[in-house]
Amino acid sequence: MENQDNQRLGSYFAHNVGGELVRAYVPAPLPPIPAVRIDQFQTLFEQANQSLGRLDGLASVLPDLGLFIYAYVRKEAVLSSQIEGTQSSLSDLLLFENDEAPGVPIQDVQEVSNYVAALNHGLARLRDGFPLSLRLMREIHGVLLSKGRGSTKEPGEFRRSQNWIGGTRPGSAAFVPPPPERVMECMGELEKFLHAERNDLPPLVKAGLVHVQFETIHPFLDGNGRLGRLLITFLLCAAGALREPILYLSLFFKSHRQTYYDLLMRVRETGDWESWIEFFLTGVKETSEQAVGAARRILDLLESDRKQIAALGRPAASALRVFQHAQTNPILSTRATAQKIGISFPTVTSAIDHLQKLGVLREITGKQRRRLFVYDAYLKILNEGTEPIR
């Protein structure tokens, strides 16, 4: 064991993994000592808080908050999974959810679908009054890895073997998290910090600290990155900083991924929490502003299209029902739409024809049978930033 003079730094433990000597890092417990100097970026902190407040306030004025959450949860699922290497797009996920074939391997889309389920599970538990705890993290992880690639990586269980980040083996890794026998100790300290009543740490700063600590401990064999990003939203909801789950930082992390990884390593190597928190607050500010802008554009689009459809006269009633369905199924088929909204197949076919003529829907298969239609303008707004990482 190597001791460090800087109290913000953890310790390296040398141990044998598969016949080679590895230096695994055990972080110092939170909060950092000395405390994070928030005063040096007070203006940015206030701007991030204001932007988050505007986003949270939007939740109370949106006519259909459920629609917005539906869309943003799926966008976040795609982005967070892309960071981990999946090639799934938002369109692939929507096709999968509508029992249509996605354009990428099914396992990629299954991972994204698991993420949606894990997020919904965690939020439901928090709303029922269950605390953000190690038990809840294990539950969420169990859902996250319930099907597909990760299902063999001990879903819902903290790891009992050494993992590593980067490289083909621990000896050549970019970073080696704590040895398995120290995981419970580290996570226990993290849980204590989560539950500590601290007036000196605003929820945003606390969320930023928890994210790094979780990523550094890397307590599961797989899915740590995705769960670590989910924790940010869960913590802000649990602390009352957000009433609804409408802040997701994966697009910001994806767009600045090298800076993200560099700053995580800087915390571990030098204890520089300030640079990380500054980056994190910038992400909250920019992401909140983007989400508010996207929500307003979606509202404007829906209102404009609704007016067009209402002007159709007699066909308007059925066309509006199909239009309503398209808002949570931006890629749809005639048969599935008829089944889900309880209108006859010929009536839905006629309604879709009207929506195509208005330019609201577009046919995307070019086939005569099993045709699919997309709500183009709506999906375009949702798709911003979700192009797969190549």
Protein backbone atom coordinates (compact mmCIF):
# COMPACT_ATOMS: atom_id res chain seq x y z
CA MET A 1 0.00 0.00 0.00
CA GLU A 2 1.26 3.48 -0.91
CA ASN A 3 0.20 6.45 1.23
CA GLN A 4 -0.38 9.87 -0.29
CA ASP A 5 0.23 13.22 1.43
CA ASN A 6 -2.72 14.87 -0.37
CA GLN A 7 -5.88 14.02 1.61
CA ARG A 8 -7.99 14.25 -1.57
CA LEU A 9 -6.11 11.33 -3.09
CA GLY A 10 -6.79 7.68 -2.51
CA SER A 11 -4.22 4.91 -2.23
CA TYR A 12 -2.80 2.35 -4.60
CA PHE A 13 -2.88 -1.30 -3.58
CA ALA A 14 -0.57 -3.77 -5.30
CA HIS A 15 -2.09 -7.22 -5.76
CA ASN A 16 -1.84 -10.20 -8.06
CA VAL A 17 -4.40 -10.55 -10.87
CA GLY A 18 -4.02 -13.50 -13.22
CA GLY A 19 -0.30 -13.83 -12.50
CA GLU A 20 0.63 -10.16 -12.93
CA LEU A 21 1.13 -7.48 -10.30
CA VAL A 22 -1.47 -4.72 -10.60
CA ARG A 23 -1.82 -1.36 -8.82
CA ALA A 24 -5.49 -0.88 -8.01
CA TYR A 25 -6.73 2.53 -6.85
CA VAL A 26 -8.94 3.00 -3.78
CA PRO A 27 -10.38 6.54 -3.64
CA ALA A 28 -10.52 8.66 -0.49
CA PRO A 29 -14.08 8.92 0.90
CA LEU A 30 -16.26 11.89 0.01
CA PRO A 31 -16.43 14.81 0.64
CA PRO A 32 -13.00 15.91 -0.57
CA ILE A 33 -10.65 17.36 2.07
CA PRO A 34 -10.01 20.24 1.76
CA ALA A 35 -13.54 21.08 0.57
CA VAL A 36 -14.26 21.92 -3.07
CA ARG A 37 -13.82 25.68 -3.61
CA ILE A 38 -17.16 26.53 -5.24
CA ASP A 39 -16.50 30.27 -4.86
CA GLN A 40 -14.01 30.27 -7.74
CA PHE A 41 -16.79 29.49 -10.22
CA GLN A 42 -19.70 31.15 -8.41
CA THR A 43 -21.05 32.81 -11.58
CA LEU A 44 -21.08 29.51 -13.49
CA PHE A 45 -22.73 27.78 -10.52
CA GLU A 46 -25.50 30.41 -10.46
CA GLN A 47 -25.99 30.15 -14.24
CA ALA A 48 -26.21 26.34 -14.06
CA ASN A 49 -28.75 26.59 -11.22
CA GLN A 50 -30.82 29.15 -13.15
CA SER A 51 -30.78 27.02 -16.32
CA LEU A 52 -31.77 23.95 -14.33
CA GLY A 53 -34.55 25.98 -12.68
CA ARG A 54 -35.89 27.07 -16.09
CA LEU A 55 -35.88 23.44 -17.24
CA ASP A 56 -37.63 22.31 -14.06
CA GLY A 57 -40.16 25.14 -14.43
CA LEU A 58 -40.90 24.00 -17.97
CA ALA A 59 -42.28 20.77 -16.48
CA SER A 60 -45.18 22.68 -14.97
CA VAL A 61 -46.22 24.44 -18.20
CA LEU A 62 -45.85 21.66 -20.78
CA PRO A 63 -49.32 20.51 -21.88
CA ASP A 64 -48.11 16.92 -22.11
CA LEU A 65 -45.18 16.38 -19.75
CA GLY A 66 -45.43 12.62 -20.22
CA LEU A 67 -44.70 12.99 -23.94
CA PHE A 68 -41.61 15.08 -23.26
CA ILE A 69 -40.30 12.63 -20.66
CA TYR A 70 -41.05 9.70 -22.99
CA ALA A 71 -38.98 11.31 -25.74
CA TYR A 72 -36.08 12.43 -23.56
CA VAL A 73 -35.74 9.17 -21.67
CA ARG A 74 -35.31 7.36 -24.99
CA LYS A 75 -32.87 9.92 -26.32
CA GLU A 76 -30.78 9.60 -23.16
CA ALA A 77 -30.88 5.80 -23.37
CA VAL A 78 -29.50 5.90 -26.91
CA LEU A 79 -26.76 8.41 -26.09
CA SER A 80 -25.63 6.73 -22.89
CA SER A 81 -25.46 3.34 -24.60
CA GLN A 82 -23.56 4.82 -27.57
CA ILE A 83 -20.83 5.99 -25.18
CA GLU A 84 -20.42 2.34 -24.22
CA GLY A 85 -20.04 1.29 -27.86
CA THR A 86 -23.52 0.40 -29.18
CA GLN A 87 -24.39 1.57 -32.68
CA SER A 88 -28.12 1.82 -32.00
CA SER A 89 -29.95 4.98 -33.06
CA LEU A 90 -33.17 6.46 -31.72
CA SER A 91 -34.95 5.16 -34.83
CA ASP A 92 -33.63 1.65 -34.11
CA LEU A 93 -35.05 1.80 -30.58
CA LEU A 94 -38.44 3.04 -31.80
CA LEU A 95 -38.61 0.29 -34.42
CA PHE A 96 -37.72 -2.30 -31.76
CA GLU A 97 -40.42 -1.01 -29.43
CA ASN A 98 -42.94 -1.31 -32.27
CA ASP A 99 -41.92 -4.92 -32.99
CA GLU A 100 -40.21 -3.90 -36.21
CA ALA A 101 -36.68 -4.90 -37.22
CA PRO A 102 -34.01 -2.35 -36.27
CA GLY A 103 -31.11 -1.63 -38.60
CA VAL A 104 -28.40 -2.78 -36.17
CA PRO A 105 -27.74 -6.01 -34.21
CA ILE A 106 -30.62 -6.77 -31.87
CA GLN A 107 -28.29 -6.88 -28.85
CA ASP A 108 -27.40 -3.21 -29.36
CA VAL A 109 -31.05 -2.20 -29.23
CA GLN A 110 -31.76 -4.53 -26.31
CA GLU A 111 -29.12 -2.67 -24.29
CA VAL A 112 -30.84 0.63 -25.01
CA SER A 113 -34.25 -0.82 -24.18
CA ASN A 114 -32.85 -2.13 -20.87
CA TYR A 115 -31.66 1.40 -20.07
CA VAL A 116 -35.18 2.79 -20.51
CA ALA A 117 -36.53 0.07 -18.20
CA ALA A 118 -33.79 0.71 -15.60
CA LEU A 119 -34.45 4.44 -15.58
CA ASN A 120 -38.19 3.93 -15.19
CA HIS A 121 -37.67 1.39 -12.41
CA GLY A 122 -35.37 3.69 -10.44
CA LEU A 123 -37.69 6.68 -10.74
CA ALA A 124 -40.72 4.62 -9.70
CA ARG A 125 -38.89 3.43 -6.59
CA LEU A 126 -37.80 6.97 -5.67
CA ARG A 127 -41.36 8.23 -6.10
CA ASP A 128 -42.54 5.48 -3.75
CA GLY A 129 -40.23 6.92 -1.10
CA PHE A 130 -37.41 4.39 -1.41
CA PRO A 131 -34.03 6.02 -0.67
CA LEU A 132 -31.20 6.29 -3.19
CA SER A 133 -29.15 3.51 -1.66
CA LEU A 134 -26.85 0.59 -2.49
CA ARG A 135 -29.89 -1.68 -2.57
CA LEU A 136 -31.60 0.53 -5.15
CA MET A 137 -28.40 0.75 -7.23
CA ARG A 138 -28.24 -3.05 -7.32
CA GLU A 139 -31.91 -3.23 -8.31
CA ILE A 140 -31.43 -0.73 -11.14
CA HIS A 141 -28.30 -2.57 -12.29
CA GLY A 142 -30.29 -5.82 -12.34
CA VAL A 143 -32.78 -4.27 -14.76
CA LEU A 144 -30.01 -2.62 -16.81
CA LEU A 145 -28.31 -5.97 -17.48
CA SER A 146 -31.42 -8.16 -17.43
CA LYS A 147 -31.29 -9.13 -21.12
CA GLY A 148 -28.72 -9.17 -23.89
CA ARG A 149 -24.96 -8.81 -23.68
CA GLY A 150 -24.63 -7.93 -20.00
CA SER A 151 -26.90 -10.67 -18.66
CA THR A 152 -23.90 -12.93 -17.91
CA LYS A 153 -22.07 -10.21 -15.93
CA GLU A 154 -23.75 -10.74 -12.53
CA PRO A 155 -26.69 -8.30 -12.88
CA GLY A 156 -27.57 -6.66 -9.57
CA GLU A 157 -24.41 -7.86 -7.80
CA PHE A 158 -21.29 -5.93 -6.82
CA ARG A 159 -18.26 -7.48 -8.44
CA ARG A 160 -16.21 -10.22 -6.83
CA SER A 161 -13.31 -10.01 -9.27
CA GLN A 162 -10.98 -7.31 -10.54
CA ASN A 163 -12.06 -5.15 -13.47
CA TRP A 164 -10.19 -2.46 -15.35
CA ILE A 165 -10.68 0.42 -17.77
CA GLY A 166 -8.83 0.56 -21.09
CA GLY A 167 -6.30 -2.03 -22.27
CA THR A 168 -6.69 -5.76 -22.85
CA ARG A 169 -5.61 -6.83 -19.35
CA PRO A 170 -5.18 -5.19 -15.91
CA GLY A 171 -1.43 -4.81 -16.36
CA SER A 172 -1.85 -2.60 -19.45
CA ALA A 173 -5.02 -0.80 -18.33
CA ALA A 174 -5.47 2.98 -18.28
CA PHE A 175 -7.04 2.67 -14.82
CA VAL A 176 -7.60 -0.16 -12.34
CA PRO A 177 -10.47 0.39 -9.80
CA PRO A 178 -10.38 -0.92 -6.22
CA PRO A 179 -9.71 -4.62 -5.56
CA PRO A 180 -12.94 -6.63 -5.18
CA GLU A 181 -12.49 -7.05 -1.42
CA ARG A 182 -12.55 -3.23 -1.01
CA VAL A 183 -15.66 -2.59 -3.13
CA MET A 184 -18.23 -2.90 -0.31
CA GLU A 185 -16.18 -0.64 1.95
CA CYS A 186 -15.94 2.04 -0.77
CA MET A 187 -19.62 1.78 -1.66
CA GLY A 188 -20.58 1.91 2.01
CA GLU A 189 -18.72 5.21 2.33
CA LEU A 190 -20.46 6.49 -0.80
CA GLU A 191 -23.87 5.56 0.64
CA LYS A 192 -23.02 7.42 3.87
CA PHE A 193 -22.20 10.50 1.81
CA LEU A 194 -25.45 10.17 -0.16
CA HIS A 195 -27.50 10.19 3.04
CA ALA A 196 -25.53 12.82 4.95
CA GLU A 197 -27.42 16.05 5.59
CA ARG A 198 -25.00 18.72 4.38
CA ASN A 199 -26.04 22.33 3.91
CA ASP A 200 -22.64 23.31 2.49
CA LEU A 201 -22.99 21.09 -0.60
CA PRO A 202 -25.65 22.09 -3.16
CA PRO A 203 -27.33 19.15 -4.95
CA LEU A 204 -25.57 19.96 -8.24
CA VAL A 205 -22.12 19.79 -6.67
CA LYS A 206 -23.05 16.66 -4.72
CA ALA A 207 -24.25 14.97 -7.92
CA GLY A 208 -20.96 15.85 -9.63
CA LEU A 209 -18.93 14.37 -6.76
CA VAL A 210 -21.01 11.19 -6.59
CA HIS A 211 -20.70 10.56 -10.33
CA VAL A 212 -16.90 10.61 -10.24
CA GLN A 213 -16.71 8.50 -7.09
CA PHE A 214 -19.02 5.85 -8.53
CA GLU A 215 -17.05 5.73 -11.79
CA THR A 216 -13.80 5.42 -9.83
CA ILE A 217 -15.08 2.54 -7.67
CA HIS A 218 -16.58 0.83 -10.75
CA PRO A 219 -18.50 -1.55 -8.47
CA PHE A 220 -20.07 -3.78 -11.13
CA LEU A 221 -18.53 -6.03 -13.78
CA ASP A 222 -20.43 -4.20 -16.52
CA GLY A 223 -22.81 -1.26 -16.91
CA ASN A 224 -20.93 1.14 -14.60
CA GLY A 225 -20.86 4.02 -17.09
CA ARG A 226 -24.57 3.84 -17.82
CA LEU A 227 -25.54 3.53 -14.15
CA GLY A 228 -23.11 6.30 -13.19
CA ARG A 229 -24.86 8.67 -15.60
CA LEU A 230 -28.29 7.60 -14.35
CA LEU A 231 -27.23 8.42 -10.78
CA ILE A 232 -26.91 12.10 -11.69
CA THR A 233 -30.60 12.35 -12.59
CA PHE A 234 -31.69 10.13 -9.69
CA LEU A 235 -29.74 12.23 -7.18
CA LEU A 236 -31.15 15.54 -8.46
CA CYS A 237 -34.71 14.12 -8.36
CA ALA A 238 -34.21 12.66 -4.88
CA ALA A 239 -32.81 15.99 -3.62
CA GLY A 240 -35.77 17.93 -5.04
CA ALA A 241 -33.60 19.90 -7.48
CA LEU A 242 -35.68 18.38 -10.30
CA ARG A 243 -39.34 17.43 -10.07
CA GLU A 244 -39.21 15.34 -13.23
CA PRO A 245 -36.38 13.37 -14.90
CA ILE A 246 -35.63 15.84 -17.67
CA LEU A 247 -31.89 16.49 -17.30
CA TYR A 248 -29.51 14.10 -19.02
CA LEU A 249 -25.82 14.80 -19.53
CA SER A 250 -24.89 11.97 -21.91
CA LEU A 251 -24.95 14.22 -25.00
CA PHE A 252 -22.56 16.66 -23.29
CA PHE A 253 -20.28 13.82 -22.15
CA LYS A 254 -20.42 12.25 -25.63
CA SER A 255 -19.55 15.56 -27.31
CA HIS A 256 -16.63 16.18 -24.92
CA ARG A 257 -15.69 12.60 -24.14
CA GLN A 258 -11.89 13.04 -24.14
CA THR A 259 -12.13 16.00 -21.75
CA TYR A 260 -14.53 13.96 -19.62
CA TYR A 261 -12.10 11.03 -19.32
CA ASP A 262 -9.11 13.34 -18.76
CA LEU A 263 -10.85 15.18 -15.92
CA LEU A 264 -11.88 11.94 -14.19
CA MET A 265 -8.24 10.86 -14.26
CA ARG A 266 -7.08 14.27 -13.01
CA VAL A 267 -9.29 13.90 -9.93
CA ARG A 268 -7.71 10.49 -9.23
CA GLU A 269 -4.13 11.55 -9.94
CA THR A 270 -4.00 15.08 -8.50
CA GLY A 271 -7.22 15.59 -6.50
CA ASP A 272 -8.34 18.37 -8.85
CA TRP A 273 -12.05 18.31 -8.09
CA GLU A 274 -12.47 21.98 -9.08
CA SER A 275 -11.76 21.42 -12.79
CA TRP A 276 -14.21 18.52 -12.84
CA ILE A 277 -16.98 20.47 -11.07
CA GLU A 278 -16.48 23.41 -13.46
CA PHE A 279 -16.85 21.03 -16.43
CA PHE A 280 -19.87 19.36 -14.82
CA LEU A 281 -21.65 22.66 -14.14
CA THR A 282 -20.97 23.77 -17.72
CA GLY A 283 -22.63 20.54 -18.85
CA VAL A 284 -25.68 21.15 -16.65
CA LYS A 285 -26.02 24.72 -17.95
CA GLU A 286 -25.66 23.82 -21.65
CA THR A 287 -27.78 20.68 -21.43
CA SER A 288 -30.59 22.46 -19.59
CA GLU A 289 -30.62 25.25 -22.19
CA GLN A 290 -30.66 22.72 -25.06
CA ALA A 291 -33.54 20.79 -23.46
CA VAL A 292 -35.60 23.96 -22.94
CA GLY A 293 -34.98 24.99 -26.57
CA ALA A 294 -35.91 21.53 -27.89
CA ALA A 295 -39.08 21.43 -25.78
CA ARG A 296 -40.21 24.79 -27.15
CA ARG A 297 -39.54 23.72 -30.74
CA ILE A 298 -41.48 20.48 -30.17
CA LEU A 299 -44.41 22.44 -28.71
CA ASP A 300 -44.40 24.85 -31.67
CA LEU A 301 -44.25 21.97 -34.15
CA LEU A 302 -47.08 20.03 -32.49
CA GLU A 303 -49.29 23.10 -32.34
CA SER A 304 -48.61 24.01 -35.97
CA ASP A 305 -49.33 20.47 -37.20
CA ARG A 306 -52.43 20.20 -35.01
CA LYS A 307 -53.87 23.35 -36.62
CA GLN A 308 -53.20 21.95 -40.09
CA ILE A 309 -54.98 18.71 -39.23
CA ALA A 310 -57.93 20.43 -37.54
CA ALA A 311 -58.55 22.31 -40.79
CA LEU A 312 -59.20 19.04 -42.66
CA GLY A 313 -62.88 19.08 -41.81
CA ARG A 314 -64.63 15.69 -41.43
CA PRO A 315 -61.42 13.54 -41.57
CA ALA A 316 -59.85 15.69 -38.81
CA ALA A 317 -61.10 13.61 -35.85
CA SER A 318 -59.49 10.33 -36.90
CA ALA A 319 -56.40 12.09 -38.27
CA LEU A 320 -55.90 13.84 -34.92
CA ARG A 321 -56.08 10.50 -33.09
CA VAL A 322 -53.41 9.04 -35.37
CA PHE A 323 -51.37 12.24 -34.94
CA GLN A 324 -51.62 11.90 -31.13
CA HIS A 325 -50.39 8.30 -31.43
CA ALA A 326 -47.47 9.41 -33.63
CA GLN A 327 -46.17 11.63 -30.84
CA THR A 328 -45.22 8.58 -28.75
CA ASN A 329 -44.68 6.36 -31.79
CA PRO A 330 -42.85 8.58 -34.31
CA ILE A 331 -42.27 5.49 -36.47
CA LEU A 332 -45.56 3.65 -36.95
CA SER A 333 -47.39 1.09 -39.05
CA THR A 334 -51.04 1.13 -40.05
CA ARG A 335 -51.92 -2.21 -38.48
CA ALA A 336 -50.25 -1.54 -35.10
CA THR A 337 -51.78 1.94 -34.96
CA ALA A 338 -55.26 0.57 -35.62
CA GLN A 339 -54.82 -1.99 -32.83
CA LYS A 340 -53.41 0.48 -30.30
CA ILE A 341 -55.90 3.31 -30.76
CA GLY A 342 -58.97 1.20 -31.47
CA ILE A 343 -59.86 2.56 -34.92
CA SER A 344 -60.54 0.37 -37.95
CA PHE A 345 -57.73 -0.39 -40.38
CA PRO A 346 -59.42 1.48 -43.34
CA THR A 347 -59.99 4.57 -41.16
CA VAL A 348 -56.35 4.61 -40.03
CA THR A 349 -55.20 4.11 -43.64
CA SER A 350 -57.27 7.11 -44.70
CA ALA A 351 -56.00 9.22 -41.79
CA ILE A 352 -52.38 8.38 -42.61
CA ASP A 353 -53.01 9.36 -46.25
CA HIS A 354 -54.21 12.77 -45.07
CA LEU A 355 -51.21 13.17 -42.78
CA GLN A 356 -48.88 12.29 -45.65
CA LYS A 357 -50.50 14.89 -47.93
CA LEU A 358 -50.03 17.51 -45.20
CA GLY A 359 -46.34 16.55 -44.91
CA VAL A 360 -46.71 15.42 -41.29
CA LEU A 361 -45.93 11.73 -41.97
CA ARG A 362 -43.62 10.19 -44.58
CA GLU A 363 -43.55 6.58 -45.82
CA ILE A 364 -40.03 5.12 -45.40
CA THR A 365 -40.10 1.54 -46.77
CA GLY A 366 -41.09 2.10 -50.39
CA LYS A 367 -43.12 -1.12 -50.17
CA GLN A 368 -46.80 -1.81 -50.77
CA ARG A 369 -47.18 -4.04 -47.70
CA ARG A 370 -45.93 -3.70 -44.11
CA ARG A 371 -45.29 -0.04 -44.75
CA LEU A 372 -43.83 2.23 -42.06
CA PHE A 373 -44.41 5.95 -41.63
CA VAL A 374 -42.27 8.46 -39.76
CA TYR A 375 -43.19 11.76 -38.11
CA ASP A 376 -40.15 13.39 -39.70
CA ALA A 377 -39.98 16.87 -38.24
CA TYR A 378 -40.60 15.63 -34.70
CA LEU A 379 -38.02 12.84 -34.93
CA LYS A 380 -35.49 15.28 -36.39
CA ILE A 381 -35.60 17.40 -33.22
CA LEU A 382 -35.28 14.32 -31.00
CA ASN A 383 -32.45 12.91 -33.11
CA GLU A 384 -30.14 15.88 -32.61
CA GLY A 385 -26.82 14.57 -31.31
CA THR A 386 -27.79 10.90 -31.45
CA GLU A 387 -25.78 9.97 -34.50
CA PRO A 388 -23.85 6.79 -33.61
CA ILE A 389 -20.19 7.21 -32.65
CA ARG A 390 -18.09 5.71 -35.43
